[in-house]
Protein backbone atom coordinates (compact mmCIF):
# COMPACT_ATOMS: atom_id res chain seq x y z
CA MET A 1 -10.35 -3.31 -19.93
CA ASN A 2 -11.09 -0.90 -17.22
CA LEU A 3 -10.17 0.04 -13.35
CA ASP A 4 -12.77 0.64 -10.96
CA ASN A 5 -11.36 3.18 -8.91
CA LYS A 6 -13.17 3.05 -4.99
CA PHE A 7 -10.91 7.07 -4.91
CA THR A 8 -11.17 9.68 -7.73
CA ALA A 9 -7.79 11.67 -8.12
CA LEU A 10 -9.72 14.95 -5.90
CA GLN A 11 -9.94 12.10 -3.10
CA LEU A 12 -6.44 10.85 -3.02
CA ALA A 13 -5.42 14.80 -2.81
CA ILE A 14 -7.10 15.68 -0.58
CA ILE A 15 -5.76 12.57 1.70
CA ASN A 16 -2.67 13.46 0.67
CA GLU A 17 -2.76 17.17 1.48
CA GLN A 18 -4.86 15.76 5.12
CA ALA A 19 -2.05 13.67 6.20
CA ALA A 20 0.03 16.14 5.55
CA LEU A 21 -0.64 18.65 8.32
CA TYR A 22 0.17 15.77 10.99
CA THR A 23 2.86 13.94 11.73
CA CYS A 24 2.25 10.43 9.58
CA ALA A 25 3.22 10.10 5.74
CA CYS A 26 1.38 6.39 5.68
CA PRO A 27 -1.44 7.28 3.59
CA VAL A 28 0.43 9.91 1.89
CA HIS A 29 2.58 6.36 0.70
CA VAL A 30 -0.30 4.00 -0.22
CA SER A 31 -2.29 7.39 -2.03
CA LEU A 32 1.11 8.08 -4.15
CA GLN A 33 0.96 4.67 -4.83
CA ILE A 34 -2.47 4.62 -6.22
CA ALA A 35 -1.48 7.23 -8.58
CA ASN A 36 0.97 5.42 -10.19
CA LEU A 37 -0.85 1.98 -11.04
CA ARG A 38 -3.30 4.28 -12.53
CA LYS A 39 -0.29 5.74 -14.48
CA LEU A 40 0.74 2.74 -15.41
CA PHE A 41 -2.24 0.85 -16.43
CA ASP A 42 -3.25 3.81 -18.43
CA TYR A 43 0.23 3.98 -19.70
CA GLN A 44 -0.30 -0.11 -20.85
CA LYS A 45 -4.24 0.52 -22.48
CA MET A 46 -2.68 3.15 -24.14
CA CYS A 47 -0.17 0.54 -25.59
CA ILE A 48 -2.53 -2.39 -26.57
CA ASP A 49 -4.96 0.43 -28.27
CA MET A 50 -2.03 1.57 -30.30
CA GLU A 51 -0.81 -2.02 -31.15
CA THR A 52 -1.63 -3.07 -34.51
CA SER A 53 -2.17 -6.70 -36.51
CA ALA A 54 1.17 -6.13 -37.48
CA ASP A 55 2.75 -6.66 -34.64
CA SER A 56 3.66 -8.84 -32.49
CA SER A 57 1.17 -10.77 -30.53
CA ILE A 58 4.22 -11.40 -28.02
CA GLU A 59 3.43 -7.49 -27.29
CA ILE A 60 -0.08 -7.12 -26.83
CA GLN A 61 -0.16 -9.81 -24.66
CA VAL A 62 3.55 -8.69 -22.11
CA HIS A 63 0.82 -5.52 -21.72
CA GLN A 64 -1.79 -7.12 -21.23
CA ARG A 65 -0.41 -9.18 -18.92
CA ILE A 66 1.13 -6.16 -17.25
CA ALA A 67 -2.20 -4.31 -17.12
CA GLU A 68 -3.75 -7.32 -15.74
CA VAL A 69 -1.97 -7.55 -12.91
CA THR A 70 -1.93 -3.95 -12.91
CA LYS A 71 -5.29 -4.03 -11.86
CA GLN A 72 -5.15 -6.30 -8.84
CA ALA A 73 -2.46 -4.53 -7.18
CA HIS A 74 -4.59 -1.14 -7.66
CA GLN A 75 -7.71 -3.00 -6.23
CA LEU A 76 -5.07 -4.56 -2.75
CA MET A 77 -3.67 -0.37 -2.37
CA GLU A 78 -7.30 0.75 -2.46
CA GLN A 79 -9.23 -1.46 0.43
CA CYS A 80 -5.54 -1.10 2.14
CA LEU A 81 -6.61 2.94 2.34
CA ASP A 82 -9.46 2.38 2.05
CA GLU A 83 -8.99 0.26 5.50
CA ILE A 84 -6.71 2.67 6.41
CA LEU A 85 -8.72 5.53 7.11
CA ASP A 86 -11.02 3.38 8.27
CA MET A 87 -8.74 2.57 11.16
CA GLU A 88 -7.48 5.48 12.22
CA GLY A 89 -11.09 7.17 12.48
CA TRP A 90 -10.84 9.71 8.91
CA ASP A 91 -13.83 11.62 8.49
CA ARG A 92 -14.88 9.97 4.58
CA ASN A 93 -17.31 12.58 4.06
CA LYS A 94 -14.33 15.40 4.29
CA LEU A 95 -11.41 12.80 4.06
CA GLU A 96 -10.06 14.78 6.77
CA MET A 97 -8.55 12.59 9.97
CA PRO A 98 -9.70 12.50 13.24
CA THR A 99 -9.68 16.27 15.36
CA ASN A 100 -8.61 13.31 18.15
CA SER A 101 -5.58 11.91 16.43
CA SER A 102 -3.30 11.06 18.30
CA ARG A 103 -0.58 12.50 15.52
CA LYS A 104 -0.04 16.14 16.54
CA ARG A 105 -1.55 18.48 13.86
CA ILE A 106 1.28 20.98 12.95
CA GLU A 107 0.61 23.64 12.74
CA LYS A 108 1.17 26.80 10.09
CA THR A 109 4.19 27.44 12.23
CA GLY A 110 5.57 24.15 10.63
CA GLU A 111 6.76 23.10 14.47
CA LEU A 112 5.81 20.06 16.02
């Protein structure tokens, strides 16, 4: 079982950086949840891989269930982020917020 990633780890980092430059942290929160879901999924895969035939089948089932639900949640959150980027008009090639965004860009001085 593997995750189908719509966004790479680098793309998520770029989205986080871009959103931090504006007074909107919503894309960052969604992006962070995607990253956390990936960690949870990887952990469950590791647990499944480490199980031996001597281990209880219920333990394997628990890890498989967590992985399955995590995969579903991951798909939903990636779809949500994809839709947010479209709604806000992000440049999908550069992963940049639009320059005409209603959100004010935080300048180097840190003032809004």
